[in-house]
Amino acid sequence: MANGPMTMRNGPRPIPGVASGRRMALYVAIIVFRGERAMKHSQDVLTVDRPVVALQDEYPAGFVDTMHRHGHVQLLYASAGVMSVRTPERSFVVPPQRAVWLPVDTDHEVNCRGAVSLRTLYLRPDICPGHGECRVFDVSDFLRALILEVGRFPPEYDPGGREGRIVMLLLEEIARMPDAQLNIRMPNDPRLLRVCTAILENPSDIRDVDDWAAVAGMGRRTFTRSFRRETGSGLGTWRQQARLMEALSLIAIGKPITTVAFDVGYESASGFSAMFRRSFGTSPRNYCRTANL
């Protein structure tokens, strides 16, 4: 997924008394014996010059791909599981019926709350004029089929043959997909960023506008005006979006709806479900069944 370092909560530990070279060889042998394997990197697949190159891999719950960037446009799609993706400007949740588009050299971090079946497409910059902005968009059944098909192409597929025509159709379908609303804008002001980061880390925090203004070291009026200018919404709306994104991640790892409601700051499951229905037009249970969460 990345060129930079990748981390897991339970990574390999040093083996006492074994030199670094022998230690690495021994650890690789352990991986083979267990049937495990190392995570793939973008350089593993970007070895040929093609308009679109695909990487597919399985990532366990708790996997974090720390902040990094690519020299290609990147499309992240989870055919199963839910990812959260954060850039300096935005934070996204990406369930199986959504994908995220990352322009060239966009710093981003990926967090897998549950096990994720990832399909990553790397697009050559010259076929994406202007590259656009970061966006989360809906993935139709047809586009999903195209993404999965391109993911099975050999690295040296024929750009002028069947594979090349499917790639061109894939790009056309991506351009047709409507934006989804599972994202929130992050502020540039470090004082407001401190507030937003705290809310993302603990969406159940019930502090009010005055409390958060104090955290930012700003007066209430200045805080509310600055917050709306930098994020495009008021604190209440922004926090609700953050709670929705966290809720989807928690549901994806199997937490019951009632537990999720309390974890994201609601006093009852019914109140949470009503908010969810207003936002998505369906109940949390039906939404997740449809999304295969």
Protein backbone atom coordinates (compact mmCIF):
# COMPACT_ATOMS: atom_id res chain seq x y z
CA MET A 1 0.00 0.00 0.00
CA ALA A 2 2.81 2.40 0.79
CA ASN A 3 6.39 3.26 0.07
CA GLY A 4 6.93 4.34 3.67
CA PRO A 5 6.89 2.35 6.90
CA MET A 6 3.89 0.20 7.74
CA THR A 7 3.00 -0.82 11.26
CA MET A 8 0.97 -3.43 13.06
CA ARG A 9 0.11 -3.54 16.73
CA ASN A 10 1.79 -6.93 17.03
CA GLY A 11 4.82 -6.65 14.77
CA PRO A 12 7.93 -8.87 14.87
CA ARG A 13 10.01 -8.67 18.04
CA PRO A 14 13.82 -8.93 18.10
CA ILE A 15 15.10 -12.46 18.73
CA PRO A 16 17.60 -12.29 21.61
CA GLY A 17 21.10 -13.45 20.81
CA VAL A 18 20.61 -13.56 17.05
CA ALA A 19 22.55 -11.14 14.83
CA SER A 20 20.49 -8.81 12.64
CA GLY A 21 21.14 -10.64 9.32
CA ARG A 22 20.53 -14.09 10.80
CA ARG A 23 17.57 -12.65 12.74
CA MET A 24 15.91 -11.47 9.53
CA ALA A 25 16.51 -14.82 7.82
CA LEU A 26 15.06 -16.62 10.82
CA TYR A 27 12.03 -14.34 10.91
CA VAL A 28 11.38 -14.89 7.19
CA ALA A 29 11.56 -18.64 7.82
CA ILE A 30 9.04 -18.27 10.65
CA ILE A 31 6.69 -16.36 8.33
CA VAL A 32 6.91 -19.09 5.69
CA PHE A 33 6.34 -21.77 8.31
CA ARG A 34 3.24 -20.01 9.66
CA GLY A 35 1.86 -19.42 6.19
CA GLU A 36 2.08 -15.64 6.66
CA ARG A 37 3.69 -13.12 4.35
CA ALA A 38 4.98 -9.58 4.33
CA MET A 39 2.70 -6.74 3.31
CA LYS A 40 2.99 -5.53 -0.27
CA HIS A 41 4.36 -2.12 -1.21
CA SER A 42 3.64 0.07 -4.23
CA GLN A 43 7.15 -0.61 -5.56
CA ASP A 44 6.22 -4.29 -5.77
CA VAL A 45 3.82 -3.54 -8.62
CA LEU A 46 5.03 -0.26 -10.16
CA THR A 47 7.70 -2.05 -12.18
CA VAL A 48 6.15 -1.57 -15.61
CA ASP A 49 4.87 1.46 -17.52
CA ARG A 50 1.10 1.04 -17.81
CA PRO A 51 -1.75 3.59 -17.54
CA VAL A 52 -3.17 1.76 -14.50
CA VAL A 53 -1.41 -0.76 -12.27
CA ALA A 54 -3.27 -2.73 -9.60
CA LEU A 55 -2.27 -4.09 -6.23
CA GLN A 56 -4.45 -6.46 -4.23
CA ASP A 57 -3.73 -7.65 -0.73
CA GLU A 58 -5.28 -8.64 2.60
CA TYR A 59 -4.68 -6.48 5.67
CA PRO A 60 -5.48 -7.55 9.25
CA ALA A 61 -7.43 -5.59 11.85
CA GLY A 62 -5.22 -3.00 13.48
CA PHE A 63 -2.99 -2.50 10.45
CA VAL A 64 -1.88 1.12 10.03
CA ASP A 65 -0.15 2.48 6.94
CA THR A 66 1.45 5.63 8.34
CA MET A 67 1.51 9.00 6.59
CA HIS A 68 3.12 8.70 3.16
CA ARG A 69 2.67 9.75 -0.48
CA HIS A 70 2.92 8.35 -4.00
CA GLY A 71 4.10 9.68 -7.36
CA HIS A 72 0.91 8.26 -8.91
CA VAL A 73 -2.75 9.05 -8.55
CA GLN A 74 -4.12 6.40 -6.20
CA LEU A 75 -7.55 4.81 -5.89
CA LEU A 76 -8.20 2.90 -2.66
CA TYR A 77 -11.05 0.39 -2.61
CA ALA A 78 -11.89 -2.23 0.02
CA SER A 79 -13.89 -5.10 -1.47
CA ALA A 80 -14.48 -6.20 2.14
CA GLY A 81 -13.96 -4.36 5.42
CA VAL A 82 -13.76 -0.67 6.27
CA MET A 83 -10.77 1.67 6.14
CA SER A 84 -10.34 5.13 7.53
CA VAL A 85 -8.13 7.41 5.45
CA ARG A 86 -6.76 10.69 6.75
CA THR A 87 -4.97 13.49 4.87
CA PRO A 88 -3.84 16.83 6.29
CA GLU A 89 -7.05 18.38 4.89
CA ARG A 90 -9.70 15.65 5.26
CA SER A 91 -10.68 12.49 7.07
CA PHE A 92 -12.61 9.75 5.25
CA VAL A 93 -14.31 6.45 6.02
CA VAL A 94 -14.25 3.98 3.14
CA PRO A 95 -16.72 1.04 3.38
CA PRO A 96 -17.08 -1.51 0.54
CA GLN A 97 -19.49 0.56 -1.55
CA ARG A 98 -17.15 3.56 -1.59
CA ALA A 99 -13.65 4.32 -2.90
CA VAL A 100 -11.25 7.17 -2.20
CA TRP A 101 -9.33 9.08 -4.88
CA LEU A 102 -5.93 10.48 -3.85
CA PRO A 103 -4.11 12.87 -6.23
CA VAL A 104 -0.37 12.66 -6.84
CA ASP A 105 1.83 13.37 -3.80
CA THR A 106 -1.08 13.51 -1.36
CA ASP A 107 0.07 12.72 2.16
CA HIS A 108 -2.28 10.13 3.64
CA GLU A 109 -2.61 7.54 6.40
CA VAL A 110 -4.72 4.38 6.20
CA ASN A 111 -6.16 2.57 9.23
CA CYS A 112 -7.85 -0.84 9.04
CA ARG A 113 -10.32 -1.16 11.91
CA GLY A 114 -11.19 -4.71 10.87
CA ALA A 115 -9.73 -7.11 8.33
CA VAL A 116 -9.65 -5.44 4.88
CA SER A 117 -9.46 -6.92 1.38
CA LEU A 118 -7.75 -4.07 -0.43
CA ARG A 119 -7.72 -3.23 -4.10
CA THR A 120 -5.41 -0.33 -4.93
CA LEU A 121 -5.13 1.20 -8.39
CA TYR A 122 -2.14 3.38 -9.26
CA LEU A 123 -2.93 5.71 -12.17
CA ARG A 124 -0.21 7.29 -14.25
CA PRO A 125 -0.40 11.08 -13.75
CA ASP A 126 -0.51 11.90 -17.47
CA ILE A 127 -3.88 10.11 -17.90
CA CYS A 128 -5.44 12.20 -15.09
CA PRO A 129 -5.08 15.85 -16.19
CA GLY A 130 -5.17 18.15 -13.17
CA HIS A 131 -5.49 15.11 -10.90
CA GLY A 132 -8.44 16.76 -9.07
CA GLU A 133 -8.90 16.73 -5.32
CA CYS A 134 -9.24 14.02 -2.69
CA ARG A 135 -12.74 12.58 -2.85
CA VAL A 136 -14.80 9.63 -1.72
CA PHE A 137 -17.22 8.39 -4.35
CA ASP A 138 -19.85 5.70 -4.72
CA VAL A 139 -18.86 2.42 -6.34
CA SER A 140 -21.58 0.88 -8.52
CA ASP A 141 -21.81 -2.87 -9.04
CA PHE A 142 -20.39 -2.36 -12.53
CA LEU A 143 -17.44 -0.29 -11.32
CA ARG A 144 -16.76 -2.84 -8.58
CA ALA A 145 -16.60 -5.58 -11.22
CA LEU A 146 -14.18 -3.48 -13.29
CA ILE A 147 -11.91 -2.80 -10.30
CA LEU A 148 -11.80 -6.49 -9.40
CA GLU A 149 -11.13 -7.46 -13.02
CA VAL A 150 -8.27 -4.96 -13.43
CA GLY A 151 -6.87 -6.26 -10.15
CA ARG A 152 -6.41 -9.66 -11.81
CA PHE A 153 -4.47 -8.31 -14.81
CA PRO A 154 -0.82 -9.36 -15.14
CA PRO A 155 1.59 -6.42 -14.66
CA GLU A 156 2.58 -6.43 -18.34
CA TYR A 157 -0.93 -6.46 -19.80
CA ASP A 158 -1.43 -5.21 -23.36
CA PRO A 159 -2.60 -1.54 -23.30
CA GLY A 160 -3.88 -1.95 -26.88
CA GLY A 161 -5.76 -5.17 -26.23
CA ARG A 162 -8.73 -6.30 -24.16
CA GLU A 163 -7.09 -5.30 -20.86
CA GLY A 164 -6.31 -1.81 -22.15
CA ARG A 165 -9.92 -1.30 -23.27
CA ILE A 166 -11.20 -2.39 -19.86
CA VAL A 167 -8.84 0.08 -18.19
CA MET A 168 -10.19 2.92 -20.35
CA LEU A 169 -13.76 1.90 -19.47
CA LEU A 170 -12.77 1.82 -15.79
CA LEU A 171 -11.52 5.41 -15.99
CA GLU A 172 -14.76 6.53 -17.67
CA GLU A 173 -16.85 4.88 -14.95
CA ILE A 174 -14.81 6.48 -12.16
CA ALA A 175 -15.48 9.91 -13.67
CA ARG A 176 -19.25 9.20 -13.66
CA MET A 177 -19.47 8.23 -9.98
CA PRO A 178 -21.12 10.74 -7.59
CA ASP A 179 -19.31 11.94 -4.50
CA ALA A 180 -20.23 10.36 -1.17
CA GLN A 181 -20.48 12.34 2.05
CA LEU A 182 -18.40 10.14 4.33
CA ASN A 183 -15.70 12.73 4.88
CA ILE A 184 -15.01 15.79 6.95
CA ARG A 185 -12.74 18.74 6.32
CA MET A 186 -9.79 19.23 8.63
CA PRO A 187 -8.82 22.80 9.56
CA ASN A 188 -5.42 24.33 8.89
CA ASP A 189 -5.34 26.45 12.06
CA PRO A 190 -3.34 24.38 14.57
CA ARG A 191 -5.65 25.47 17.41
CA LEU A 192 -8.71 24.15 15.60
CA LEU A 193 -6.81 21.10 14.40
CA ARG A 194 -6.13 20.28 18.05
CA VAL A 195 -9.87 20.30 18.73
CA CYS A 196 -10.76 18.21 15.66
CA THR A 197 -8.07 15.63 16.38
CA ALA A 198 -9.37 15.25 19.94
CA ILE A 199 -12.92 14.69 18.67
CA LEU A 200 -11.79 12.11 16.11
CA GLU A 201 -9.89 10.26 18.81
CA ASN A 202 -12.89 10.34 21.15
CA PRO A 203 -16.19 11.07 19.36
CA SER A 204 -18.14 10.40 22.57
CA ASP A 205 -16.64 13.50 24.22
CA ILE A 206 -19.62 15.65 25.27
CA ARG A 207 -17.83 18.97 25.77
CA ASP A 208 -19.76 21.92 24.36
CA VAL A 209 -18.73 24.87 22.20
CA ASP A 210 -17.44 26.89 25.16
CA ASP A 211 -15.30 23.99 26.35
CA TRP A 212 -13.79 23.43 22.91
CA ALA A 213 -13.19 27.15 22.45
CA ALA A 214 -11.20 27.03 25.70
CA VAL A 215 -9.19 24.05 24.39
CA ALA A 216 -8.38 26.12 21.30
CA GLY A 217 -7.52 29.13 23.43
CA MET A 218 -10.09 31.26 21.59
CA GLY A 219 -13.21 33.19 22.52
CA ARG A 220 -16.52 31.54 21.70
CA ARG A 221 -17.41 33.92 18.87
CA THR A 222 -13.95 33.75 17.29
CA PHE A 223 -13.93 29.97 17.65
CA THR A 224 -17.32 29.40 15.99
CA ARG A 225 -16.58 31.83 13.16
CA SER A 226 -13.11 30.37 12.51
CA PHE A 227 -14.34 26.78 12.76
CA ARG A 228 -17.05 27.33 10.14
CA ARG A 229 -14.67 29.19 7.83
CA GLU A 230 -12.03 26.43 7.95
CA THR A 231 -14.23 23.32 7.94
CA GLY A 232 -17.30 24.51 6.05
CA SER A 233 -19.66 23.58 8.90
CA GLY A 234 -20.47 24.30 12.51
CA LEU A 235 -18.99 22.27 15.34
CA GLY A 236 -22.21 20.27 15.90
CA THR A 237 -22.49 19.18 12.27
CA TRP A 238 -18.78 18.39 12.07
CA ARG A 239 -18.91 16.28 15.23
CA GLN A 240 -21.96 14.38 13.97
CA GLN A 241 -20.06 13.46 10.80
CA ALA A 242 -17.11 12.34 12.91
CA ARG A 243 -19.44 10.17 15.00
CA LEU A 244 -20.98 8.65 11.88
CA MET A 245 -17.56 7.77 10.50
CA GLU A 246 -16.47 6.20 13.78
CA ALA A 247 -19.78 4.32 14.03
CA LEU A 248 -19.27 2.70 10.62
CA SER A 249 -15.79 1.59 11.63
CA LEU A 250 -17.05 0.09 14.90
CA ILE A 251 -19.95 -1.71 13.23
CA ALA A 252 -17.50 -3.10 10.66
CA ILE A 253 -15.48 -4.83 13.39
CA GLY A 254 -18.59 -6.46 14.79
CA LYS A 255 -19.69 -4.23 17.66
CA PRO A 256 -23.43 -4.32 18.47
CA ILE A 257 -25.47 -1.25 17.50
CA THR A 258 -26.22 -0.39 21.15
CA THR A 259 -22.54 -0.48 22.08
CA VAL A 260 -21.67 1.63 19.04
CA ALA A 261 -24.29 4.22 20.03
CA PHE A 262 -22.73 4.67 23.47
CA ASP A 263 -19.18 4.61 22.11
CA VAL A 264 -19.85 7.54 19.78
CA GLY A 265 -21.62 9.66 22.38
CA TYR A 266 -25.35 8.86 22.16
CA GLU A 267 -27.39 8.14 25.28
CA SER A 268 -29.55 5.51 23.57
CA ALA A 269 -29.51 3.20 20.58
CA SER A 270 -32.79 4.73 19.38
CA GLY A 271 -31.30 8.24 19.31
CA PHE A 272 -28.29 6.99 17.39
CA SER A 273 -30.47 5.04 14.94
CA ALA A 274 -32.65 8.11 14.30
CA MET A 275 -29.56 10.21 13.51
CA PHE A 276 -28.20 7.45 11.28
CA ARG A 277 -31.49 7.17 9.40
CA ARG A 278 -31.60 10.95 8.80
CA SER A 279 -28.10 10.81 7.36
CA PHE A 280 -28.31 7.64 5.25
CA GLY A 281 -32.04 7.07 4.74
CA THR A 282 -31.97 3.65 6.39
CA SER A 283 -31.25 2.00 9.73
CA PRO A 284 -27.68 1.07 10.78
CA ARG A 285 -28.54 -2.62 10.49
CA ASN A 286 -29.96 -2.34 6.96
CA TYR A 287 -27.14 -0.07 5.83
CA CYS A 288 -24.49 -2.51 6.99
CA ARG A 289 -26.32 -5.49 5.49
CA THR A 290 -26.44 -3.71 2.13
CA ALA A 291 -22.77 -2.69 2.41
CA ASN A 292 -21.70 -6.20 3.47
CA LEU A 293 -20.15 -4.81 6.66
